[in-house]
Amino acid sequence: MSNSSTNFKDYIRVIEDFPTPGIRFKDITTLLKDGATYKAAIVELRKLVEHLQIDVIAGPEARGFVIGAPLALELGVGFIPIRKSGKLPGETISANYSLEYGTDQLAMHKDAIEPGQRVLIADDLLATGGTIATVIDLIKQVGGEVVGTAFLIELSYLDGRNKIEGVEVKSLMTY
């Protein structure tokens, strides 16, 4: 948790049985709609990662965009969108990953990251770690160095950190 006086968990709505029975979905839209709290959360994330000497931030579609892009602005670095395959106009690389209900594929522009660039991955939630492990693989394919990850929320009981060993993990809130 951050040192901020704001209790960010007060701004997270928990929706029971979404998207399937037994899931307690952590809805960040209630935090995002409060401008001052949204900004405070991004500032607190910046404080957690600014020591990493980041060159660029990558964020997976779609909620990684609403965390990664403003965090990149806070740090004065660029932002790289990681999208579902078929959504980017230039030459891309892609990687498959597993979901609870099947597989999907993420892609990024081949020239988005220069070899040796220090990359932070930012997203709203760390759960099982599968999406982030896939993003790490994509970044490594083009020679980027993943120096850390930053999340609004970490579901520690799902052990997502275990899939991203060797990379610093920072979370604003932990459940």
N, C-alpha and C. Protein backbone atom coordinates (compact mmCIF):
# COMPACT_ATOMS: atom_id res chain seq x y z
N MET A 1 0.84 -1.18 0.00
CA MET A 1 0.00 0.00 0.00
C MET A 1 0.88 1.24 0.00
N SER A 2 0.39 2.32 -0.47
CA SER A 2 1.17 3.54 -0.58
C SER A 2 1.18 4.31 0.73
N ASN A 3 2.05 5.33 0.79
CA ASN A 3 2.13 6.19 1.95
C ASN A 3 1.13 7.34 1.88
N SER A 4 0.36 7.40 0.81
CA SER A 4 -0.60 8.47 0.63
C SER A 4 -1.67 8.41 1.71
N SER A 5 -2.22 9.58 2.02
CA SER A 5 -3.31 9.61 3.01
C SER A 5 -4.62 9.11 2.42
N THR A 6 -4.68 8.97 1.12
CA THR A 6 -5.88 8.45 0.46
C THR A 6 -5.92 6.93 0.60
N ASN A 7 -7.05 6.42 1.06
CA ASN A 7 -7.25 4.97 1.07
C ASN A 7 -7.90 4.61 -0.26
N PHE A 8 -7.06 4.21 -1.22
CA PHE A 8 -7.56 3.95 -2.58
C PHE A 8 -8.57 2.82 -2.62
N LYS A 9 -8.51 1.90 -1.68
CA LYS A 9 -9.48 0.80 -1.67
C LYS A 9 -10.90 1.32 -1.47
N ASP A 10 -11.04 2.48 -0.83
CA ASP A 10 -12.36 3.08 -0.66
C ASP A 10 -13.00 3.45 -1.99
N TYR A 11 -12.18 3.54 -3.04
CA TYR A 11 -12.66 3.94 -4.36
C TYR A 11 -12.80 2.77 -5.32
N ILE A 12 -12.57 1.57 -4.85
CA ILE A 12 -12.71 0.37 -5.68
C ILE A 12 -14.02 -0.31 -5.33
N ARG A 13 -14.86 -0.47 -6.35
CA ARG A 13 -16.14 -1.14 -6.16
C ARG A 13 -15.93 -2.64 -6.40
N VAL A 14 -16.44 -3.46 -5.49
CA VAL A 14 -16.35 -4.90 -5.65
C VAL A 14 -17.71 -5.41 -6.11
N ILE A 15 -17.69 -6.09 -7.26
CA ILE A 15 -18.93 -6.61 -7.84
C ILE A 15 -18.91 -8.13 -7.72
N GLU A 16 -19.88 -8.63 -6.97
CA GLU A 16 -19.97 -10.08 -6.73
C GLU A 16 -20.41 -10.83 -7.99
N ASP A 17 -19.83 -12.00 -8.16
CA ASP A 17 -20.23 -12.94 -9.22
C ASP A 17 -20.11 -12.36 -10.63
N PHE A 18 -19.06 -11.56 -10.86
CA PHE A 18 -18.79 -11.04 -12.20
C PHE A 18 -17.35 -11.33 -12.55
N PRO A 19 -17.06 -11.86 -13.71
CA PRO A 19 -17.95 -12.21 -14.81
C PRO A 19 -18.60 -13.58 -14.67
N THR A 20 -18.17 -14.35 -13.65
CA THR A 20 -18.77 -15.66 -13.41
C THR A 20 -19.03 -15.82 -11.92
N PRO A 21 -19.91 -16.74 -11.54
CA PRO A 21 -20.20 -16.96 -10.12
C PRO A 21 -18.93 -17.26 -9.32
N GLY A 22 -18.85 -16.65 -8.15
CA GLY A 22 -17.72 -16.86 -7.27
C GLY A 22 -16.61 -15.84 -7.40
N ILE A 23 -16.62 -15.06 -8.47
CA ILE A 23 -15.60 -14.02 -8.68
C ILE A 23 -16.06 -12.74 -8.00
N ARG A 24 -15.13 -12.08 -7.30
CA ARG A 24 -15.38 -10.78 -6.68
C ARG A 24 -14.59 -9.75 -7.48
N PHE A 25 -15.19 -9.22 -8.54
CA PHE A 25 -14.53 -8.33 -9.49
C PHE A 25 -14.18 -7.00 -8.84
N LYS A 26 -12.93 -6.57 -8.99
CA LYS A 26 -12.46 -5.28 -8.47
C LYS A 26 -12.60 -4.26 -9.60
N ASP A 27 -13.61 -3.41 -9.48
CA ASP A 27 -13.95 -2.43 -10.52
C ASP A 27 -13.23 -1.12 -10.26
N ILE A 28 -12.29 -0.75 -11.16
CA ILE A 28 -11.53 0.49 -10.98
C ILE A 28 -12.25 1.71 -11.54
N THR A 29 -13.37 1.53 -12.24
CA THR A 29 -14.03 2.68 -12.86
C THR A 29 -14.50 3.68 -11.81
N THR A 30 -14.76 3.23 -10.60
CA THR A 30 -15.18 4.14 -9.54
C THR A 30 -14.02 5.01 -9.06
N LEU A 31 -12.80 4.52 -9.18
CA LEU A 31 -11.62 5.34 -8.88
C LEU A 31 -11.35 6.28 -10.05
N LEU A 32 -11.43 5.78 -11.27
CA LEU A 32 -11.12 6.58 -12.46
C LEU A 32 -12.04 7.78 -12.61
N LYS A 33 -13.31 7.66 -12.20
CA LYS A 33 -14.25 8.76 -12.40
C LYS A 33 -14.03 9.91 -11.43
N ASP A 34 -13.23 9.70 -10.39
CA ASP A 34 -12.91 10.76 -9.43
C ASP A 34 -11.54 11.33 -9.81
N GLY A 35 -11.54 12.47 -10.48
CA GLY A 35 -10.31 13.04 -11.03
C GLY A 35 -9.18 13.19 -10.03
N ALA A 36 -9.49 13.71 -8.85
CA ALA A 36 -8.44 13.94 -7.85
C ALA A 36 -7.86 12.62 -7.36
N THR A 37 -8.70 11.62 -7.18
CA THR A 37 -8.23 10.32 -6.69
C THR A 37 -7.45 9.59 -7.78
N TYR A 38 -7.92 9.67 -9.01
CA TYR A 38 -7.22 9.07 -10.14
C TYR A 38 -5.81 9.66 -10.24
N LYS A 39 -5.72 10.97 -10.20
CA LYS A 39 -4.41 11.64 -10.26
C LYS A 39 -3.54 11.22 -9.08
N ALA A 40 -4.12 11.18 -7.88
CA ALA A 40 -3.35 10.79 -6.69
C ALA A 40 -2.81 9.37 -6.83
N ALA A 41 -3.61 8.48 -7.40
CA ALA A 41 -3.16 7.10 -7.60
C ALA A 41 -1.98 7.04 -8.57
N ILE A 42 -2.05 7.81 -9.65
CA ILE A 42 -0.96 7.83 -10.63
C ILE A 42 0.29 8.43 -10.01
N VAL A 43 0.14 9.48 -9.22
CA VAL A 43 1.29 10.09 -8.54
C VAL A 43 1.93 9.09 -7.58
N GLU A 44 1.10 8.35 -6.85
CA GLU A 44 1.64 7.35 -5.92
C GLU A 44 2.36 6.22 -6.66
N LEU A 45 1.81 5.80 -7.80
CA LEU A 45 2.50 4.79 -8.61
C LEU A 45 3.85 5.34 -9.09
N ARG A 46 3.87 6.61 -9.51
CA ARG A 46 5.13 7.22 -9.94
C ARG A 46 6.17 7.14 -8.84
N LYS A 47 5.77 7.45 -7.63
CA LYS A 47 6.70 7.41 -6.49
C LYS A 47 7.26 6.00 -6.27
N LEU A 48 6.43 4.99 -6.54
CA LEU A 48 6.86 3.60 -6.36
C LEU A 48 7.88 3.14 -7.40
N VAL A 49 7.88 3.76 -8.59
CA VAL A 49 8.71 3.25 -9.68
C VAL A 49 9.76 4.22 -10.21
N GLU A 50 9.76 5.46 -9.77
CA GLU A 50 10.65 6.45 -10.38
C GLU A 50 12.12 6.12 -10.20
N HIS A 51 12.48 5.30 -9.24
CA HIS A 51 13.88 4.91 -9.03
C HIS A 51 14.40 3.95 -10.09
N LEU A 52 13.53 3.42 -10.94
CA LEU A 52 13.91 2.38 -11.89
C LEU A 52 14.57 2.89 -13.17
N GLN A 53 14.69 4.19 -13.35
CA GLN A 53 15.31 4.77 -14.55
C GLN A 53 14.66 4.23 -15.83
N ILE A 54 13.39 4.48 -15.94
CA ILE A 54 12.54 3.97 -17.01
C ILE A 54 12.70 4.82 -18.27
N ASP A 55 12.83 4.16 -19.41
CA ASP A 55 12.86 4.86 -20.70
C ASP A 55 11.49 4.95 -21.33
N VAL A 56 10.67 3.92 -21.11
CA VAL A 56 9.35 3.86 -21.75
C VAL A 56 8.44 2.94 -20.93
N ILE A 57 7.14 3.19 -21.02
CA ILE A 57 6.15 2.35 -20.33
C ILE A 57 5.33 1.61 -21.37
N ALA A 58 5.09 0.33 -21.13
CA ALA A 58 4.21 -0.49 -21.97
C ALA A 58 2.97 -0.84 -21.16
N GLY A 59 1.81 -0.78 -21.80
CA GLY A 59 0.56 -1.13 -21.13
C GLY A 59 -0.31 -1.99 -22.01
N PRO A 60 -0.78 -3.13 -21.47
CA PRO A 60 -1.66 -4.00 -22.25
C PRO A 60 -3.09 -3.46 -22.34
N GLU A 61 -3.71 -3.72 -23.48
CA GLU A 61 -5.08 -3.31 -23.74
C GLU A 61 -6.01 -3.92 -22.70
N ALA A 62 -6.97 -3.26 -22.23
CA ALA A 62 -7.30 -1.86 -22.44
C ALA A 62 -7.01 -1.08 -21.16
N ARG A 63 -7.17 -1.70 -20.02
CA ARG A 63 -6.99 -0.93 -18.79
C ARG A 63 -5.54 -0.56 -18.53
N GLY A 64 -4.60 -1.26 -19.15
CA GLY A 64 -3.21 -0.85 -19.06
C GLY A 64 -2.97 0.51 -19.69
N PHE A 65 -3.85 0.89 -20.62
CA PHE A 65 -3.75 2.20 -21.25
C PHE A 65 -4.09 3.30 -20.25
N VAL A 66 -5.14 3.08 -19.44
CA VAL A 66 -5.59 4.14 -18.52
C VAL A 66 -4.69 4.26 -17.29
N ILE A 67 -3.82 3.29 -17.08
CA ILE A 67 -2.82 3.38 -16.02
C ILE A 67 -1.46 3.78 -16.61
N GLY A 68 -1.06 3.11 -17.67
CA GLY A 68 0.26 3.33 -18.25
C GLY A 68 0.46 4.68 -18.89
N ALA A 69 -0.52 5.16 -19.66
CA ALA A 69 -0.35 6.44 -20.36
C ALA A 69 -0.21 7.61 -19.39
N PRO A 70 -1.09 7.77 -18.39
CA PRO A 70 -0.89 8.89 -17.47
C PRO A 70 0.37 8.73 -16.62
N LEU A 71 0.76 7.49 -16.32
CA LEU A 71 1.99 7.27 -15.58
C LEU A 71 3.20 7.68 -16.43
N ALA A 72 3.14 7.39 -17.73
CA ALA A 72 4.22 7.82 -18.63
C ALA A 72 4.32 9.34 -18.65
N LEU A 73 3.19 10.03 -18.69
CA LEU A 73 3.19 11.49 -18.65
C LEU A 73 3.81 12.00 -17.34
N GLU A 74 3.44 11.37 -16.23
CA GLU A 74 3.99 11.75 -14.91
C GLU A 74 5.51 11.61 -14.88
N LEU A 75 6.02 10.58 -15.55
CA LEU A 75 7.45 10.30 -15.55
C LEU A 75 8.19 10.98 -16.70
N GLY A 76 7.45 11.55 -17.64
CA GLY A 76 8.08 12.21 -18.78
C GLY A 76 8.71 11.24 -19.76
N VAL A 77 8.09 10.06 -19.92
CA VAL A 77 8.59 9.05 -20.86
C VAL A 77 7.48 8.68 -21.84
N GLY A 78 7.82 7.91 -22.86
CA GLY A 78 6.84 7.49 -23.85
C GLY A 78 6.00 6.32 -23.38
N PHE A 79 4.95 6.04 -24.16
CA PHE A 79 4.03 4.96 -23.86
C PHE A 79 3.89 4.05 -25.07
N ILE A 80 3.94 2.74 -24.85
CA ILE A 80 3.80 1.72 -25.88
C ILE A 80 2.52 0.92 -25.63
N PRO A 81 1.54 1.00 -26.55
CA PRO A 81 0.34 0.18 -26.36
C PRO A 81 0.58 -1.26 -26.80
N ILE A 82 0.20 -2.19 -25.95
CA ILE A 82 0.21 -3.62 -26.28
C ILE A 82 -1.25 -3.97 -26.56
N ARG A 83 -1.54 -4.42 -27.79
CA ARG A 83 -2.92 -4.59 -28.21
C ARG A 83 -3.24 -6.03 -28.56
N LYS A 84 -4.51 -6.31 -28.70
CA LYS A 84 -4.94 -7.58 -29.26
C LYS A 84 -4.47 -7.63 -30.70
N SER A 85 -4.14 -8.80 -31.18
CA SER A 85 -3.64 -8.94 -32.55
C SER A 85 -4.63 -8.39 -33.56
N GLY A 86 -4.10 -7.76 -34.60
CA GLY A 86 -4.93 -7.20 -35.65
C GLY A 86 -5.37 -5.77 -35.42
N LYS A 87 -4.97 -5.16 -34.32
CA LYS A 87 -5.41 -3.81 -33.99
C LYS A 87 -4.37 -2.74 -34.27
N LEU A 88 -3.12 -3.12 -34.50
CA LEU A 88 -2.06 -2.15 -34.75
C LEU A 88 -1.77 -2.07 -36.24
N PRO A 89 -1.53 -0.86 -36.78
CA PRO A 89 -1.40 -0.70 -38.22
C PRO A 89 -0.03 -1.07 -38.80
N GLY A 90 1.02 -1.02 -38.01
CA GLY A 90 2.36 -1.29 -38.54
C GLY A 90 2.74 -2.75 -38.42
N GLU A 91 4.02 -3.03 -38.73
CA GLU A 91 4.52 -4.40 -38.61
C GLU A 91 4.61 -4.77 -37.13
N THR A 92 4.06 -5.92 -36.77
CA THR A 92 3.98 -6.31 -35.36
C THR A 92 4.63 -7.65 -35.09
N ILE A 93 4.85 -7.89 -33.81
CA ILE A 93 5.18 -9.22 -33.31
C ILE A 93 4.05 -9.59 -32.37
N SER A 94 3.82 -10.88 -32.17
CA SER A 94 2.71 -11.29 -31.31
C SER A 94 3.08 -12.52 -30.50
N ALA A 95 2.29 -12.74 -29.46
CA ALA A 95 2.48 -13.91 -28.60
C ALA A 95 1.12 -14.36 -28.08
N ASN A 96 0.93 -15.67 -28.01
CA ASN A 96 -0.30 -16.24 -27.47
C ASN A 96 -0.19 -16.35 -25.95
N TYR A 97 -1.33 -16.29 -25.28
CA TYR A 97 -1.38 -16.52 -23.84
C TYR A 97 -2.69 -17.20 -23.49
N SER A 98 -2.68 -17.85 -22.32
CA SER A 98 -3.86 -18.60 -21.88
C SER A 98 -4.74 -17.77 -20.97
N LEU A 99 -6.01 -17.98 -21.13
CA LEU A 99 -7.03 -17.39 -20.27
C LEU A 99 -7.78 -18.52 -19.58
N GLU A 100 -8.61 -18.18 -18.61
CA GLU A 100 -9.41 -19.20 -17.93
C GLU A 100 -10.28 -19.96 -18.92
N TYR A 101 -10.70 -19.29 -20.00
CA TYR A 101 -11.67 -19.83 -20.92
C TYR A 101 -11.13 -20.03 -22.33
N GLY A 102 -9.80 -20.11 -22.50
CA GLY A 102 -9.23 -20.32 -23.82
C GLY A 102 -7.89 -19.62 -23.97
N THR A 103 -7.60 -19.17 -25.18
CA THR A 103 -6.35 -18.46 -25.45
C THR A 103 -6.65 -17.16 -26.18
N ASP A 104 -5.67 -16.26 -26.15
CA ASP A 104 -5.77 -15.01 -26.87
C ASP A 104 -4.37 -14.65 -27.35
N GLN A 105 -4.27 -13.53 -28.04
CA GLN A 105 -2.98 -13.13 -28.59
C GLN A 105 -2.80 -11.63 -28.41
N LEU A 106 -1.61 -11.24 -27.97
CA LEU A 106 -1.25 -9.83 -27.84
C LEU A 106 -0.19 -9.49 -28.87
N ALA A 107 -0.16 -8.21 -29.28
CA ALA A 107 0.80 -7.77 -30.28
C ALA A 107 1.33 -6.39 -29.93
N MET A 108 2.52 -6.09 -30.46
CA MET A 108 3.07 -4.74 -30.35
C MET A 108 3.84 -4.45 -31.63
N HIS A 109 4.01 -3.17 -31.92
CA HIS A 109 4.80 -2.81 -33.09
C HIS A 109 6.23 -3.30 -32.92
N LYS A 110 6.78 -3.84 -34.00
CA LYS A 110 8.15 -4.36 -33.99
C LYS A 110 9.17 -3.29 -33.62
N ASP A 111 8.90 -2.06 -34.00
CA ASP A 111 9.84 -0.97 -33.75
C ASP A 111 9.47 -0.09 -32.55
N ALA A 112 8.57 -0.58 -31.70
CA ALA A 112 8.09 0.23 -30.57
C ALA A 112 9.16 0.45 -29.51
N ILE A 113 10.02 -0.52 -29.34
CA ILE A 113 11.05 -0.46 -28.29
C ILE A 113 12.40 -0.72 -28.94
N GLU A 114 13.36 0.14 -28.60
CA GLU A 114 14.73 -0.01 -29.09
C GLU A 114 15.46 -1.02 -28.22
N PRO A 115 16.35 -1.81 -28.81
CA PRO A 115 17.15 -2.73 -27.99
C PRO A 115 17.85 -1.99 -26.85
N GLY A 116 17.74 -2.57 -25.66
CA GLY A 116 18.38 -1.99 -24.48
C GLY A 116 17.53 -0.98 -23.72
N GLN A 117 16.40 -0.56 -24.28
CA GLN A 117 15.55 0.38 -23.55
C GLN A 117 15.01 -0.27 -22.29
N ARG A 118 14.94 0.54 -21.23
CA ARG A 118 14.43 0.09 -19.94
C ARG A 118 12.92 0.32 -19.91
N VAL A 119 12.16 -0.77 -19.76
CA VAL A 119 10.71 -0.74 -19.90
C VAL A 119 10.02 -1.08 -18.59
N LEU A 120 9.03 -0.29 -18.24
CA LEU A 120 8.12 -0.59 -17.13
C LEU A 120 6.80 -1.01 -17.76
N ILE A 121 6.22 -2.08 -17.24
CA ILE A 121 4.89 -2.52 -17.68
C ILE A 121 3.89 -2.04 -16.63
N ALA A 122 2.84 -1.36 -17.07
CA ALA A 122 1.83 -0.85 -16.16
C ALA A 122 0.46 -1.40 -16.55
N ASP A 123 -0.31 -1.80 -15.54
CA ASP A 123 -1.66 -2.31 -15.78
C ASP A 123 -2.50 -2.05 -14.55
N ASP A 124 -3.79 -2.30 -14.67
CA ASP A 124 -4.67 -2.08 -13.54
C ASP A 124 -4.59 -3.18 -12.50
N LEU A 125 -4.33 -4.43 -12.94
CA LEU A 125 -4.49 -5.56 -12.04
C LEU A 125 -3.47 -6.66 -12.32
N LEU A 126 -2.86 -7.15 -11.27
CA LEU A 126 -2.04 -8.37 -11.36
C LEU A 126 -2.84 -9.48 -10.70
N ALA A 127 -3.25 -10.46 -11.50
CA ALA A 127 -4.00 -11.60 -10.99
C ALA A 127 -3.12 -12.84 -11.11
N THR A 128 -3.31 -13.63 -12.15
CA THR A 128 -2.51 -14.86 -12.31
C THR A 128 -1.15 -14.60 -12.95
N GLY A 129 -0.97 -13.44 -13.57
CA GLY A 129 0.31 -13.08 -14.17
C GLY A 129 0.48 -13.48 -15.62
N GLY A 130 -0.49 -14.16 -16.21
CA GLY A 130 -0.35 -14.64 -17.58
C GLY A 130 -0.22 -13.53 -18.61
N THR A 131 -1.03 -12.50 -18.49
CA THR A 131 -0.96 -11.39 -19.45
C THR A 131 0.39 -10.68 -19.34
N ILE A 132 0.83 -10.43 -18.13
CA ILE A 132 2.08 -9.69 -17.93
C ILE A 132 3.27 -10.53 -18.40
N ALA A 133 3.25 -11.83 -18.16
CA ALA A 133 4.32 -12.70 -18.64
C ALA A 133 4.40 -12.65 -20.16
N THR A 134 3.25 -12.57 -20.83
CA THR A 134 3.22 -12.47 -22.28
C THR A 134 3.80 -11.14 -22.75
N VAL A 135 3.45 -10.05 -22.07
CA VAL A 135 3.98 -8.73 -22.41
C VAL A 135 5.50 -8.72 -22.23
N ILE A 136 5.98 -9.33 -21.15
CA ILE A 136 7.43 -9.43 -20.92
C ILE A 136 8.10 -10.15 -22.09
N ASP A 137 7.51 -11.25 -22.53
CA ASP A 137 8.06 -12.00 -23.67
C ASP A 137 8.13 -11.13 -24.92
N LEU A 138 7.09 -10.37 -25.20
CA LEU A 138 7.08 -9.50 -26.38
C LEU A 138 8.21 -8.47 -26.30
N ILE A 139 8.36 -7.86 -25.15
CA ILE A 139 9.39 -6.82 -24.97
C ILE A 139 10.78 -7.42 -25.13
N LYS A 140 11.00 -8.60 -24.59
CA LYS A 140 12.30 -9.25 -24.72
C LYS A 140 12.59 -9.64 -26.17
N GLN A 141 11.55 -9.99 -26.93
CA GLN A 141 11.73 -10.35 -28.34
C GLN A 141 12.37 -9.23 -29.14
N VAL A 142 12.09 -7.98 -28.78
CA VAL A 142 12.66 -6.85 -29.52
C VAL A 142 13.87 -6.25 -28.81
N GLY A 143 14.35 -6.91 -27.75
CA GLY A 143 15.57 -6.47 -27.08
C GLY A 143 15.38 -5.48 -25.96
N GLY A 144 14.13 -5.25 -25.53
CA GLY A 144 13.89 -4.35 -24.40
C GLY A 144 14.22 -5.05 -23.10
N GLU A 145 14.54 -4.24 -22.09
CA GLU A 145 14.84 -4.76 -20.75
C GLU A 145 13.69 -4.37 -19.81
N VAL A 146 12.95 -5.35 -19.33
CA VAL A 146 11.85 -5.06 -18.42
C VAL A 146 12.43 -4.85 -17.03
N VAL A 147 12.32 -3.62 -16.53
CA VAL A 147 12.92 -3.27 -15.24
C VAL A 147 11.91 -3.29 -14.10
N GLY A 148 10.62 -3.39 -14.44
CA GLY A 148 9.63 -3.42 -13.38
C GLY A 148 8.21 -3.47 -13.92
N THR A 149 7.29 -3.67 -12.99
CA THR A 149 5.86 -3.66 -13.28
C THR A 149 5.17 -2.81 -12.22
N ALA A 150 4.07 -2.18 -12.61
CA ALA A 150 3.30 -1.35 -11.68
C ALA A 150 1.82 -1.62 -11.89
N PHE A 151 1.12 -1.84 -10.79
CA PHE A 151 -0.30 -2.17 -10.83
C PHE A 151 -1.07 -1.33 -9.82
N LEU A 152 -2.30 -0.98 -10.16
CA LEU A 152 -3.19 -0.38 -9.16
C LEU A 152 -3.51 -1.43 -8.10
N ILE A 153 -3.83 -2.65 -8.55
CA ILE A 153 -4.31 -3.70 -7.65
C ILE A 153 -3.54 -4.99 -7.90
N GLU A 154 -3.21 -5.67 -6.82
CA GLU A 154 -2.63 -7.02 -6.92
C GLU A 154 -3.51 -7.97 -6.11
N LEU A 155 -3.92 -9.06 -6.74
CA LEU A 155 -4.65 -10.12 -6.04
C LEU A 155 -3.61 -11.13 -5.59
N SER A 156 -3.04 -10.92 -4.42
CA SER A 156 -1.89 -11.70 -3.97
C SER A 156 -2.22 -13.19 -3.82
N TYR A 157 -3.47 -13.52 -3.55
CA TYR A 157 -3.86 -14.91 -3.36
C TYR A 157 -3.82 -15.72 -4.66
N LEU A 158 -3.65 -15.05 -5.81
CA LEU A 158 -3.54 -15.75 -7.09
C LEU A 158 -2.08 -15.97 -7.52
N ASP A 159 -1.14 -15.48 -6.73
CA ASP A 159 0.30 -15.71 -6.95
C ASP A 159 0.81 -15.30 -8.32
N GLY A 160 0.31 -14.22 -8.88
CA GLY A 160 0.77 -13.74 -10.18
C GLY A 160 2.23 -13.38 -10.21
N ARG A 161 2.78 -12.98 -9.06
CA ARG A 161 4.21 -12.65 -8.99
C ARG A 161 5.09 -13.82 -9.41
N ASN A 162 4.62 -15.02 -9.17
CA ASN A 162 5.42 -16.20 -9.50
C ASN A 162 5.67 -16.34 -11.00
N LYS A 163 4.79 -15.79 -11.84
CA LYS A 163 4.97 -15.87 -13.29
C LYS A 163 5.89 -14.78 -13.82
N ILE A 164 6.20 -13.79 -12.99
CA ILE A 164 7.04 -12.68 -13.44
C ILE A 164 8.26 -12.52 -12.53
N GLU A 165 8.87 -13.64 -12.18
CA GLU A 165 10.06 -13.63 -11.34
C GLU A 165 11.18 -12.86 -11.99
N GLY A 166 11.99 -12.22 -11.15
CA GLY A 166 13.14 -11.48 -11.65
C GLY A 166 12.81 -10.07 -12.09
N VAL A 167 11.54 -9.67 -11.96
CA VAL A 167 11.10 -8.32 -12.33
C VAL A 167 10.48 -7.69 -11.09
N GLU A 168 10.87 -6.46 -10.80
CA GLU A 168 10.31 -5.77 -9.64
C GLU A 168 8.82 -5.53 -9.84
N VAL A 169 8.03 -5.85 -8.81
CA VAL A 169 6.58 -5.70 -8.85
C VAL A 169 6.16 -4.67 -7.80
N LYS A 170 5.46 -3.64 -8.25
CA LYS A 170 4.94 -2.60 -7.35
C LYS A 170 3.44 -2.54 -7.52
N SER A 171 2.73 -2.57 -6.40
CA SER A 171 1.27 -2.52 -6.41
C SER A 171 0.80 -1.46 -5.42
N LEU A 172 -0.17 -0.68 -5.82
CA LEU A 172 -0.73 0.34 -4.96
C LEU A 172 -1.64 -0.25 -3.89
N MET A 173 -2.40 -1.27 -4.28
CA MET A 173 -3.32 -1.95 -3.36
C MET A 173 -3.15 -3.44 -3.51
N THR A 174 -3.29 -4.17 -2.39
CA THR A 174 -3.21 -5.62 -2.42
C THR A 174 -4.45 -6.20 -1.74
N TYR A 175 -5.01 -7.20 -2.40
CA TYR A 175 -6.14 -7.95 -1.82
C TYR A 175 -5.70 -9.38 -1.62
